[in-house]
Amino acid sequence: MKKDKRFRQGIFKPINSKKYIGKGDPTYRSGWELKFFRWADLNENILAWGSENIVIPYLNPLDSKVHRYFVDNFIIFKDKNGNKNKFIIEIKPSKQTKRPVKTKFKKQKTILYEQKMYIQNTAKWKAANAWAKKNHCKFLLITEKELNIKWRN
């Protein structure tokens, strides 16, 4: 299988390995995930973090079947008052967090794919919000804007 060279992927070696919750070293699937891993590893207010270690069942409305959603990240964050806060975090391009827009330049195949992904992702995020509420944590959807990264097309 040929690798897509547009995406940065690899194994991350944590400097603060005692903070990392997971088996082995985490795999990043984008430069954005790598930036998040570095931040979580080096941030003194992050007490613990993990990558794809929370699995949430969700109903995919496209096939009416239950699937497994591997949430990108999990962190335990100490706030300025010393309180521990738990977050499950998904990292996505901002354009994938909004309903797809049909344009005259997009191929029909592209439009259908974007719509399918949006429906599937919103089902995942709905399940993640419910899981987070039940497990006393918060679900965050982080984009390149929060990571302060310029989007390249």
C-alpha atoms as a PDB file:
ATOM      1  CA  MET A   1       0.000   0.000   0.000  1.00  0.00           C
ATOM      2  CA  LYS A   2       1.377   3.398  -1.009  1.00  0.00           C
ATOM      3  CA  LYS A   3       1.590   5.996   1.792  1.00  0.00           C
ATOM      4  CA  ASP A   4       0.057   9.418   1.269  1.00  0.00           C
ATOM      5  CA  LYS A   5       3.014  11.814   1.604  1.00  0.00           C
ATOM      6  CA  ARG A   6       0.750  14.770   2.421  1.00  0.00           C
ATOM      7  CA  PHE A   7       0.164  13.523   5.958  1.00  0.00           C
ATOM      8  CA  ARG A   8       2.770  13.339   8.682  1.00  0.00           C
ATOM      9  CA  GLN A   9       2.650  10.046  10.572  1.00  0.00           C
ATOM     10  CA  GLY A  10       4.891   8.255  13.017  1.00  0.00           C
ATOM     11  CA  ILE A  11       5.634   7.073  16.528  1.00  0.00           C
ATOM     12  CA  PHE A  12       5.951   9.702  19.274  1.00  0.00           C
ATOM     13  CA  LYS A  13       8.505   9.116  22.014  1.00  0.00           C
ATOM     14  CA  PRO A  14       7.263  10.955  25.146  1.00  0.00           C
ATOM     15  CA  ILE A  15       9.879  12.749  27.206  1.00  0.00           C
ATOM     16  CA  ASN A  16       7.642  12.466  30.284  1.00  0.00           C
ATOM     17  CA  SER A  17       6.684   8.839  29.698  1.00  0.00           C
ATOM     18  CA  LYS A  18       5.149   8.468  33.188  1.00  0.00           C
ATOM     19  CA  LYS A  19       2.396  10.884  32.122  1.00  0.00           C
ATOM     20  CA  TYR A  20       1.453   8.807  29.088  1.00  0.00           C
ATOM     21  CA  ILE A  21      -1.437   6.370  29.607  1.00  0.00           C
ATOM     22  CA  GLY A  22      -1.286   3.637  27.019  1.00  0.00           C
ATOM     23  CA  LYS A  23       0.532   0.615  25.716  1.00  0.00           C
ATOM     24  CA  GLY A  24       3.758   1.410  23.912  1.00  0.00           C
ATOM     25  CA  ASP A  25       4.459   4.775  22.369  1.00  0.00           C
ATOM     26  CA  PRO A  26       1.567   6.655  20.745  1.00  0.00           C
ATOM     27  CA  THR A  27       1.148   6.903  16.969  1.00  0.00           C
ATOM     28  CA  TYR A  28       0.385  10.291  15.480  1.00  0.00           C
ATOM     29  CA  ARG A  29      -1.601  10.356  12.251  1.00  0.00           C
ATOM     30  CA  SER A  30      -1.087  14.014  11.408  1.00  0.00           C
ATOM     31  CA  GLY A  31       1.190  16.933  12.150  1.00  0.00           C
ATOM     32  CA  TRP A  32      -1.643  18.352  14.226  1.00  0.00           C
ATOM     33  CA  GLU A  33      -1.717  15.269  16.453  1.00  0.00           C
ATOM     34  CA  LEU A  34       2.070  15.465  16.781  1.00  0.00           C
ATOM     35  CA  LYS A  35       1.791  19.088  17.932  1.00  0.00           C
ATOM     36  CA  PHE A  36      -0.884  18.081  20.469  1.00  0.00           C
ATOM     37  CA  PHE A  37       1.262  15.166  21.737  1.00  0.00           C
ATOM     38  CA  ARG A  38       4.228  17.485  22.280  1.00  0.00           C
ATOM     39  CA  TRP A  39       2.039  19.997  24.115  1.00  0.00           C
ATOM     40  CA  ALA A  40       0.494  17.327  26.367  1.00  0.00           C
ATOM     41  CA  ASP A  41       3.880  15.725  27.066  1.00  0.00           C
ATOM     42  CA  LEU A  42       5.613  18.986  28.020  1.00  0.00           C
ATOM     43  CA  ASN A  43       2.771  20.900  29.699  1.00  0.00           C
ATOM     44  CA  GLU A  44       3.214  20.800  33.480  1.00  0.00           C
ATOM     45  CA  ASN A  45      -0.563  21.155  33.973  1.00  0.00           C
ATOM     46  CA  ILE A  46      -1.249  17.930  32.070  1.00  0.00           C
ATOM     47  CA  LEU A  47      -1.097  15.227  34.715  1.00  0.00           C
ATOM     48  CA  ALA A  48      -1.823  12.336  32.340  1.00  0.00           C
ATOM     49  CA  TRP A  49      -2.673  11.848  28.683  1.00  0.00           C
ATOM     50  CA  GLY A  50      -3.435   9.096  26.228  1.00  0.00           C
ATOM     51  CA  SER A  51      -3.966   8.554  22.533  1.00  0.00           C
ATOM     52  CA  GLU A  52      -6.813   6.457  21.119  1.00  0.00           C
ATOM     53  CA  ASN A  53      -7.208   4.749  24.498  1.00  0.00           C
ATOM     54  CA  ILE A  54     -10.920   5.568  24.887  1.00  0.00           C
ATOM     55  CA  VAL A  55     -13.283   3.569  22.696  1.00  0.00           C
ATOM     56  CA  ILE A  56     -16.911   4.680  22.458  1.00  0.00           C
ATOM     57  CA  PRO A  57     -19.642   2.700  20.727  1.00  0.00           C
ATOM     58  CA  TYR A  58     -21.811   4.779  18.391  1.00  0.00           C
ATOM     59  CA  LEU A  59     -24.694   4.138  16.043  1.00  0.00           C
ATOM     60  CA  ASN A  60     -23.791   5.053  12.483  1.00  0.00           C
ATOM     61  CA  PRO A  61     -26.999   6.383  10.881  1.00  0.00           C
ATOM     62  CA  LEU A  62     -25.706   5.468   7.409  1.00  0.00           C
ATOM     63  CA  ASP A  63     -25.778   1.709   7.998  1.00  0.00           C
ATOM     64  CA  SER A  64     -27.762   1.502  11.287  1.00  0.00           C
ATOM     65  CA  LYS A  65     -24.932  -0.492  12.874  1.00  0.00           C
ATOM     66  CA  VAL A  66     -22.964   0.080  16.060  1.00  0.00           C
ATOM     67  CA  HIS A  67     -19.309   0.908  15.409  1.00  0.00           C
ATOM     68  CA  ARG A  68     -16.331   1.710  17.650  1.00  0.00           C
ATOM     69  CA  TYR A  69     -15.066   5.283  17.860  1.00  0.00           C
ATOM     70  CA  PHE A  70     -11.435   5.607  18.992  1.00  0.00           C
ATOM     71  CA  VAL A  71     -11.271   9.143  20.368  1.00  0.00           C
ATOM     72  CA  ASP A  72      -7.993  10.853  19.419  1.00  0.00           C
ATOM     73  CA  ASN A  73      -6.857  11.858  22.909  1.00  0.00           C
ATOM     74  CA  PHE A  74      -7.579  11.864  26.609  1.00  0.00           C
ATOM     75  CA  ILE A  75      -6.062  14.269  29.146  1.00  0.00           C
ATOM     76  CA  ILE A  76      -6.257  14.989  32.848  1.00  0.00           C
ATOM     77  CA  PHE A  77      -5.598  18.703  33.240  1.00  0.00           C
ATOM     78  CA  LYS A  78      -4.860  20.573  36.489  1.00  0.00           C
ATOM     79  CA  ASP A  79      -6.470  24.037  36.431  1.00  0.00           C
ATOM     80  CA  LYS A  80      -5.182  27.170  38.206  1.00  0.00           C
ATOM     81  CA  ASN A  81      -7.124  26.207  41.354  1.00  0.00           C
ATOM     82  CA  GLY A  82      -5.535  22.756  41.453  1.00  0.00           C
ATOM     83  CA  ASN A  83      -8.714  20.958  40.319  1.00  0.00           C
ATOM     84  CA  LYS A  84      -8.339  17.952  38.040  1.00  0.00           C
ATOM     85  CA  ASN A  85     -10.367  18.115  34.833  1.00  0.00           C
ATOM     86  CA  LYS A  86     -10.750  15.234  32.390  1.00  0.00           C
ATOM     87  CA  PHE A  87     -11.195  15.755  28.662  1.00  0.00           C
ATOM     88  CA  ILE A  88     -11.635  13.495  25.666  1.00  0.00           C
ATOM     89  CA  ILE A  89     -10.403  15.301  22.581  1.00  0.00           C
ATOM     90  CA  GLU A  90     -10.914  14.902  18.847  1.00  0.00           C
ATOM     91  CA  ILE A  91      -8.618  16.768  16.435  1.00  0.00           C
ATOM     92  CA  LYS A  92     -10.171  17.633  13.060  1.00  0.00           C
ATOM     93  CA  PRO A  93      -9.769  20.242  10.312  1.00  0.00           C
ATOM     94  CA  SER A  94     -12.314  23.007  10.942  1.00  0.00           C
ATOM     95  CA  LYS A  95     -13.873  22.448   7.523  1.00  0.00           C
ATOM     96  CA  GLN A  96     -14.817  18.915   8.621  1.00  0.00           C
ATOM     97  CA  THR A  97     -16.690  20.230  11.672  1.00  0.00           C
ATOM     98  CA  LYS A  98     -19.259  22.078   9.547  1.00  0.00           C
ATOM     99  CA  ARG A  99     -21.966  20.816   7.226  1.00  0.00           C
ATOM    100  CA  PRO A 100     -20.409  20.406   3.746  1.00  0.00           C
ATOM    101  CA  VAL A 101     -21.204  23.074   1.194  1.00  0.00           C
ATOM    102  CA  LYS A 102     -22.038  22.170  -2.375  1.00  0.00           C
ATOM    103  CA  THR A 103     -20.146  24.262  -4.946  1.00  0.00           C
ATOM    104  CA  LYS A 104     -20.054  24.166  -8.725  1.00  0.00           C
ATOM    105  CA  PHE A 105     -16.367  23.189  -8.598  1.00  0.00           C
ATOM    106  CA  LYS A 106     -16.817  20.069  -6.444  1.00  0.00           C
ATOM    107  CA  LYS A 107     -17.354  16.722  -8.086  1.00  0.00           C
ATOM    108  CA  GLN A 108     -20.489  14.800  -7.096  1.00  0.00           C
ATOM    109  CA  LYS A 109     -18.294  12.041  -5.647  1.00  0.00           C
ATOM    110  CA  THR A 110     -16.541  14.581  -3.372  1.00  0.00           C
ATOM    111  CA  ILE A 111     -19.825  16.072  -2.186  1.00  0.00           C
ATOM    112  CA  LEU A 112     -21.230  12.644  -1.332  1.00  0.00           C
ATOM    113  CA  TYR A 113     -18.044  11.670   0.521  1.00  0.00           C
ATOM    114  CA  GLU A 114     -18.027  14.922   2.558  1.00  0.00           C
ATOM    115  CA  GLN A 115     -21.698  14.469   3.447  1.00  0.00           C
ATOM    116  CA  LYS A 116     -21.118  10.864   4.506  1.00  0.00           C
ATOM    117  CA  MET A 117     -18.142  11.843   6.694  1.00  0.00           C
ATOM    118  CA  TYR A 118     -20.060  14.719   8.277  1.00  0.00           C
ATOM    119  CA  ILE A 119     -23.016  12.465   9.178  1.00  0.00           C
ATOM    120  CA  GLN A 120     -20.689   9.802  10.575  1.00  0.00           C
ATOM    121  CA  ASN A 121     -18.602  12.319  12.543  1.00  0.00           C
ATOM    122  CA  THR A 122     -21.620  14.054  14.094  1.00  0.00           C
ATOM    123  CA  ALA A 123     -22.889  10.637  15.251  1.00  0.00           C
ATOM    124  CA  LYS A 124     -19.475   9.976  16.835  1.00  0.00           C
ATOM    125  CA  TRP A 125     -19.419  13.374  18.534  1.00  0.00           C
ATOM    126  CA  LYS A 126     -22.940  12.915  19.883  1.00  0.00           C
ATOM    127  CA  ALA A 127     -21.870   9.581  21.401  1.00  0.00           C
ATOM    128  CA  ALA A 128     -18.658  11.166  22.753  1.00  0.00           C
ATOM    129  CA  ASN A 129     -20.616  13.960  24.461  1.00  0.00           C
ATOM    130  CA  ALA A 130     -22.939  11.415  26.095  1.00  0.00           C
ATOM    131  CA  TRP A 131     -19.987   9.238  27.167  1.00  0.00           C
ATOM    132  CA  ALA A 132     -18.145  12.254  28.583  1.00  0.00           C
ATOM    133  CA  LYS A 133     -21.158  13.380  30.593  1.00  0.00           C
ATOM    134  CA  LYS A 134     -21.653   9.867  31.996  1.00  0.00           C
ATOM    135  CA  ASN A 135     -17.936   9.595  32.893  1.00  0.00           C
ATOM    136  CA  HIS A 136     -17.566  13.057  34.485  1.00  0.00           C
ATOM    137  CA  CYS A 137     -15.411  14.610  31.809  1.00  0.00           C
ATOM    138  CA  LYS A 138     -15.815  16.923  28.818  1.00  0.00           C
ATOM    139  CA  PHE A 139     -15.600  16.321  25.092  1.00  0.00           C
ATOM    140  CA  LEU A 140     -13.583  18.841  23.095  1.00  0.00           C
ATOM    141  CA  LEU A 141     -13.354  19.155  19.343  1.00  0.00           C
ATOM    142  CA  ILE A 142     -10.065  20.864  18.491  1.00  0.00           C
ATOM    143  CA  THR A 143      -9.211  22.274  15.069  1.00  0.00           C
ATOM    144  CA  GLU A 144      -6.178  23.918  13.514  1.00  0.00           C
ATOM    145  CA  LYS A 145      -7.514  27.208  14.933  1.00  0.00           C
ATOM    146  CA  GLU A 146      -7.062  26.055  18.539  1.00  0.00           C
ATOM    147  CA  LEU A 147      -3.696  24.503  17.642  1.00  0.00           C
ATOM    148  CA  ASN A 148      -2.727  27.799  15.951  1.00  0.00           C
ATOM    149  CA  ILE A 149      -1.882  26.095  12.661  1.00  0.00           C
ATOM    150  CA  LYS A 150      -2.567  27.576   9.245  1.00  0.00           C
ATOM    151  CA  TRP A 151      -4.693  25.304   7.036  1.00  0.00           C
ATOM    152  CA  ARG A 152      -3.085  24.285   3.744  1.00  0.00           C
ATOM    153  CA  ASN A 153      -5.152  23.013   0.813  1.00  0.00           C
END
